[in-house]
Amino acid sequence: MLLIELFNDLFERSGSTKTSATAWVILYTDKKLILGKRSPSSNNPNLWNFFGGHIDVGESAVEAACRELKEETGYKIDESKLKEIAKIGSATYFSAKISDPNSIGTTKEVSAVKTFKLTDLPNNLHSKTENFFTNLANLLD
């Protein structure tokens, strides 16, 4: 517990509210993935990605995943609906199946939401999304 308190204290003194760790939500339907396209005015503009971002100090990965999904799409999901499926470096990936992809909206961070077959993903993927697929392929080899 002491290490966590020290870690939190260092971030508080530095004025940072974010850690270097990230949390990502992989939404899917029966047959397709749901990705969001970063808006032109956001960081990583025009890249397709899972929904997520940095974990705030004192926040768990699943709490961050829920918060980021709500911030980026307006979609509120209960923590119990998220299944942790991978940890790659400092990124934690969760998955959730939803029945209606049209319930995933756009915001100032996400300019478009689209479903994709695994065999037909866009070329302009965000690095954390691409890294997930690269590591998944390595695990299957």
C-alpha atoms as a PDB file:
ATOM      1  CA  MET A   1       0.000   0.000   0.000  1.00  0.00           C
ATOM      2  CA  LEU A   2       2.881   2.360   0.717  1.00  0.00           C
ATOM      3  CA  LEU A   3       4.073   2.212  -2.906  1.00  0.00           C
ATOM      4  CA  ILE A   4       0.622   3.226  -4.202  1.00  0.00           C
ATOM      5  CA  GLU A   5       0.460   6.135  -1.761  1.00  0.00           C
ATOM      6  CA  LEU A   6       3.932   7.286  -2.826  1.00  0.00           C
ATOM      7  CA  PHE A   7       2.962   6.996  -6.494  1.00  0.00           C
ATOM      8  CA  ASN A   8      -0.211   9.034  -5.944  1.00  0.00           C
ATOM      9  CA  ASP A   9       1.697  11.618  -3.907  1.00  0.00           C
ATOM     10  CA  LEU A  10       4.249  12.095  -6.702  1.00  0.00           C
ATOM     11  CA  PHE A  11       1.478  12.731  -9.222  1.00  0.00           C
ATOM     12  CA  GLU A  12      -0.344  15.135  -6.913  1.00  0.00           C
ATOM     13  CA  ARG A  13       2.846  17.150  -6.357  1.00  0.00           C
ATOM     14  CA  SER A  14       3.567  17.240 -10.076  1.00  0.00           C
ATOM     15  CA  GLY A  15       0.039  18.508 -10.763  1.00  0.00           C
ATOM     16  CA  SER A  16      -0.715  15.594 -13.084  1.00  0.00           C
ATOM     17  CA  THR A  17      -4.038  13.822 -12.837  1.00  0.00           C
ATOM     18  CA  LYS A  18      -3.158  11.105 -15.347  1.00  0.00           C
ATOM     19  CA  THR A  19      -0.895   8.097 -15.236  1.00  0.00           C
ATOM     20  CA  SER A  20       1.030   6.629 -18.157  1.00  0.00           C
ATOM     21  CA  ALA A  21      -1.270   3.590 -18.081  1.00  0.00           C
ATOM     22  CA  THR A  22      -4.215   3.392 -20.458  1.00  0.00           C
ATOM     23  CA  ALA A  23      -7.503   1.501 -20.626  1.00  0.00           C
ATOM     24  CA  TRP A  24      -9.312   0.564 -23.841  1.00  0.00           C
ATOM     25  CA  VAL A  25     -12.793  -0.787 -24.617  1.00  0.00           C
ATOM     26  CA  ILE A  26     -13.254  -3.107 -27.577  1.00  0.00           C
ATOM     27  CA  LEU A  27     -16.930  -2.972 -28.499  1.00  0.00           C
ATOM     28  CA  TYR A  28     -18.367  -5.585 -30.813  1.00  0.00           C
ATOM     29  CA  THR A  29     -21.622  -6.953 -32.179  1.00  0.00           C
ATOM     30  CA  ASP A  30     -22.319 -10.515 -33.297  1.00  0.00           C
ATOM     31  CA  LYS A  31     -20.053 -10.208 -36.324  1.00  0.00           C
ATOM     32  CA  LYS A  32     -18.235  -6.861 -36.284  1.00  0.00           C
ATOM     33  CA  LEU A  33     -15.987  -4.576 -34.252  1.00  0.00           C
ATOM     34  CA  ILE A  34     -17.092  -1.039 -33.484  1.00  0.00           C
ATOM     35  CA  LEU A  35     -14.383   1.597 -33.890  1.00  0.00           C
ATOM     36  CA  GLY A  36     -14.382   5.340 -33.449  1.00  0.00           C
ATOM     37  CA  LYS A  37     -12.605   7.826 -35.703  1.00  0.00           C
ATOM     38  CA  ARG A  38     -10.725  10.530 -33.828  1.00  0.00           C
ATOM     39  CA  SER A  39     -12.030  13.988 -34.683  1.00  0.00           C
ATOM     40  CA  PRO A  40      -9.736  16.340 -36.631  1.00  0.00           C
ATOM     41  CA  SER A  41      -9.390  18.633 -33.589  1.00  0.00           C
ATOM     42  CA  SER A  42      -8.459  15.868 -31.103  1.00  0.00           C
ATOM     43  CA  ASN A  43      -5.114  14.243 -30.441  1.00  0.00           C
ATOM     44  CA  ASN A  44      -4.323  11.505 -32.975  1.00  0.00           C
ATOM     45  CA  PRO A  45      -6.731  13.057 -35.500  1.00  0.00           C
ATOM     46  CA  ASN A  46      -8.540  10.942 -38.115  1.00  0.00           C
ATOM     47  CA  LEU A  47      -7.275   7.628 -36.740  1.00  0.00           C
ATOM     48  CA  TRP A  48      -9.657   4.742 -36.056  1.00  0.00           C
ATOM     49  CA  ASN A  49      -9.411   3.217 -32.622  1.00  0.00           C
ATOM     50  CA  PHE A  50     -10.972   1.440 -29.706  1.00  0.00           C
ATOM     51  CA  PHE A  51     -12.455   3.763 -27.105  1.00  0.00           C
ATOM     52  CA  GLY A  52     -10.229   4.716 -24.199  1.00  0.00           C
ATOM     53  CA  GLY A  53      -7.320   6.693 -22.902  1.00  0.00           C
ATOM     54  CA  HIS A  54      -5.230   7.460 -19.828  1.00  0.00           C
ATOM     55  CA  ILE A  55      -6.100   6.172 -16.396  1.00  0.00           C
ATOM     56  CA  ASP A  56      -6.424   8.978 -13.852  1.00  0.00           C
ATOM     57  CA  VAL A  57      -4.540   8.837 -10.550  1.00  0.00           C
ATOM     58  CA  GLY A  58      -6.539   6.778  -8.045  1.00  0.00           C
ATOM     59  CA  GLU A  59      -8.703   5.256 -10.785  1.00  0.00           C
ATOM     60  CA  SER A  60      -8.778   1.561 -11.681  1.00  0.00           C
ATOM     61  CA  ALA A  61      -8.395   0.423 -15.277  1.00  0.00           C
ATOM     62  CA  VAL A  62     -12.044  -0.641 -15.500  1.00  0.00           C
ATOM     63  CA  GLU A  63     -13.213   2.681 -14.032  1.00  0.00           C
ATOM     64  CA  ALA A  64     -11.113   4.529 -16.609  1.00  0.00           C
ATOM     65  CA  ALA A  65     -12.492   2.367 -19.425  1.00  0.00           C
ATOM     66  CA  CYS A  66     -16.086   3.197 -18.424  1.00  0.00           C
ATOM     67  CA  ARG A  67     -15.289   6.903 -18.038  1.00  0.00           C
ATOM     68  CA  GLU A  68     -13.465   7.138 -21.365  1.00  0.00           C
ATOM     69  CA  LEU A  69     -16.236   5.306 -23.230  1.00  0.00           C
ATOM     70  CA  LYS A  70     -18.816   7.732 -21.806  1.00  0.00           C
ATOM     71  CA  GLU A  71     -16.654  10.792 -22.587  1.00  0.00           C
ATOM     72  CA  GLU A  72     -15.918   9.695 -26.138  1.00  0.00           C
ATOM     73  CA  THR A  73     -19.320   8.320 -27.182  1.00  0.00           C
ATOM     74  CA  GLY A  74     -21.931   9.255 -24.591  1.00  0.00           C
ATOM     75  CA  TYR A  75     -22.489   5.516 -24.021  1.00  0.00           C
ATOM     76  CA  LYS A  76     -22.695   4.534 -20.348  1.00  0.00           C
ATOM     77  CA  ILE A  77     -21.671   0.979 -19.548  1.00  0.00           C
ATOM     78  CA  ASP A  78     -21.637  -0.833 -16.236  1.00  0.00           C
ATOM     79  CA  GLU A  79     -18.232  -2.118 -15.100  1.00  0.00           C
ATOM     80  CA  SER A  80     -19.671  -5.630 -14.812  1.00  0.00           C
ATOM     81  CA  LYS A  81     -20.266  -5.675 -18.594  1.00  0.00           C
ATOM     82  CA  LEU A  82     -16.559  -5.241 -19.346  1.00  0.00           C
ATOM     83  CA  LYS A  83     -14.317  -8.290 -19.580  1.00  0.00           C
ATOM     84  CA  GLU A  84     -10.572  -7.771 -19.249  1.00  0.00           C
ATOM     85  CA  ILE A  85      -9.001  -9.586 -22.179  1.00  0.00           C
ATOM     86  CA  ALA A  86      -5.402  -8.393 -22.409  1.00  0.00           C
ATOM     87  CA  LYS A  87      -2.620  -6.350 -20.855  1.00  0.00           C
ATOM     88  CA  ILE A  88      -0.020  -5.185 -23.326  1.00  0.00           C
ATOM     89  CA  GLY A  89       2.653  -2.995 -21.809  1.00  0.00           C
ATOM     90  CA  SER A  90       0.843  -0.276 -19.832  1.00  0.00           C
ATOM     91  CA  ALA A  91      -2.423  -0.749 -21.746  1.00  0.00           C
ATOM     92  CA  THR A  92      -5.343  -2.799 -20.422  1.00  0.00           C
ATOM     93  CA  TYR A  93      -7.957  -3.934 -22.932  1.00  0.00           C
ATOM     94  CA  PHE A  94     -11.567  -4.773 -22.097  1.00  0.00           C
ATOM     95  CA  SER A  95     -14.284  -6.140 -24.349  1.00  0.00           C
ATOM     96  CA  ALA A  96     -18.048  -5.743 -24.341  1.00  0.00           C
ATOM     97  CA  LYS A  97     -20.692  -7.044 -26.698  1.00  0.00           C
ATOM     98  CA  ILE A  98     -23.507  -4.658 -27.498  1.00  0.00           C
ATOM     99  CA  SER A  99     -26.641  -5.315 -29.493  1.00  0.00           C
ATOM    100  CA  ASP A 100     -27.121  -1.894 -31.092  1.00  0.00           C
ATOM    101  CA  PRO A 101     -24.053  -0.177 -32.575  1.00  0.00           C
ATOM    102  CA  ASN A 102     -26.237   2.853 -33.299  1.00  0.00           C
ATOM    103  CA  SER A 103     -26.307   3.529 -29.541  1.00  0.00           C
ATOM    104  CA  ILE A 104     -22.644   4.559 -29.783  1.00  0.00           C
ATOM    105  CA  GLY A 105     -22.584   8.269 -30.525  1.00  0.00           C
ATOM    106  CA  THR A 106     -20.040  10.845 -31.591  1.00  0.00           C
ATOM    107  CA  THR A 107     -18.578  13.686 -29.517  1.00  0.00           C
ATOM    108  CA  LYS A 108     -15.946  16.380 -29.934  1.00  0.00           C
ATOM    109  CA  GLU A 109     -13.318  13.609 -29.584  1.00  0.00           C
ATOM    110  CA  VAL A 110     -14.899  11.032 -31.909  1.00  0.00           C
ATOM    111  CA  SER A 111     -16.195  12.262 -35.263  1.00  0.00           C
ATOM    112  CA  ALA A 112     -17.488   8.923 -36.605  1.00  0.00           C
ATOM    113  CA  VAL A 113     -18.406   5.457 -35.392  1.00  0.00           C
ATOM    114  CA  LYS A 114     -18.431   2.492 -37.739  1.00  0.00           C
ATOM    115  CA  THR A 115     -18.572  -1.308 -37.640  1.00  0.00           C
ATOM    116  CA  PHE A 116     -15.817  -3.333 -39.312  1.00  0.00           C
ATOM    117  CA  LYS A 117     -15.261  -6.981 -40.090  1.00  0.00           C
ATOM    118  CA  LEU A 118     -11.974  -8.264 -38.684  1.00  0.00           C
ATOM    119  CA  THR A 119     -10.858  -8.949 -42.243  1.00  0.00           C
ATOM    120  CA  ASP A 120     -11.669  -5.397 -43.371  1.00  0.00           C
ATOM    121  CA  LEU A 121     -10.130  -3.042 -40.798  1.00  0.00           C
ATOM    122  CA  PRO A 122      -9.113   0.463 -41.906  1.00  0.00           C
ATOM    123  CA  ASN A 123      -5.440   1.190 -42.635  1.00  0.00           C
ATOM    124  CA  ASN A 124      -5.279   4.271 -40.419  1.00  0.00           C
ATOM    125  CA  LEU A 125      -5.497   2.637 -36.980  1.00  0.00           C
ATOM    126  CA  HIS A 126      -4.456   4.352 -33.750  1.00  0.00           C
ATOM    127  CA  SER A 127      -1.183   2.888 -32.395  1.00  0.00           C
ATOM    128  CA  LYS A 128      -2.833   1.301 -29.318  1.00  0.00           C
ATOM    129  CA  THR A 129      -5.424  -0.398 -31.534  1.00  0.00           C
ATOM    130  CA  GLU A 130      -2.816  -1.568 -34.030  1.00  0.00           C
ATOM    131  CA  ASN A 131      -0.603  -2.756 -31.163  1.00  0.00           C
ATOM    132  CA  PHE A 132      -3.457  -4.894 -29.849  1.00  0.00           C
ATOM    133  CA  PHE A 133      -3.864  -6.669 -33.197  1.00  0.00           C
ATOM    134  CA  THR A 134      -0.092  -7.089 -33.634  1.00  0.00           C
ATOM    135  CA  ASN A 135       0.247  -8.666 -30.188  1.00  0.00           C
ATOM    136  CA  LEU A 136      -2.835 -10.799 -30.717  1.00  0.00           C
ATOM    137  CA  ALA A 137      -1.296 -12.167 -33.912  1.00  0.00           C
ATOM    138  CA  ASN A 138       1.939 -12.926 -32.017  1.00  0.00           C
ATOM    139  CA  LEU A 139       0.003 -14.796 -29.341  1.00  0.00           C
ATOM    140  CA  LEU A 140      -1.672 -16.949 -31.965  1.00  0.00           C
ATOM    141  CA  ASP A 141       1.578 -17.865 -33.750  1.00  0.00           C
END
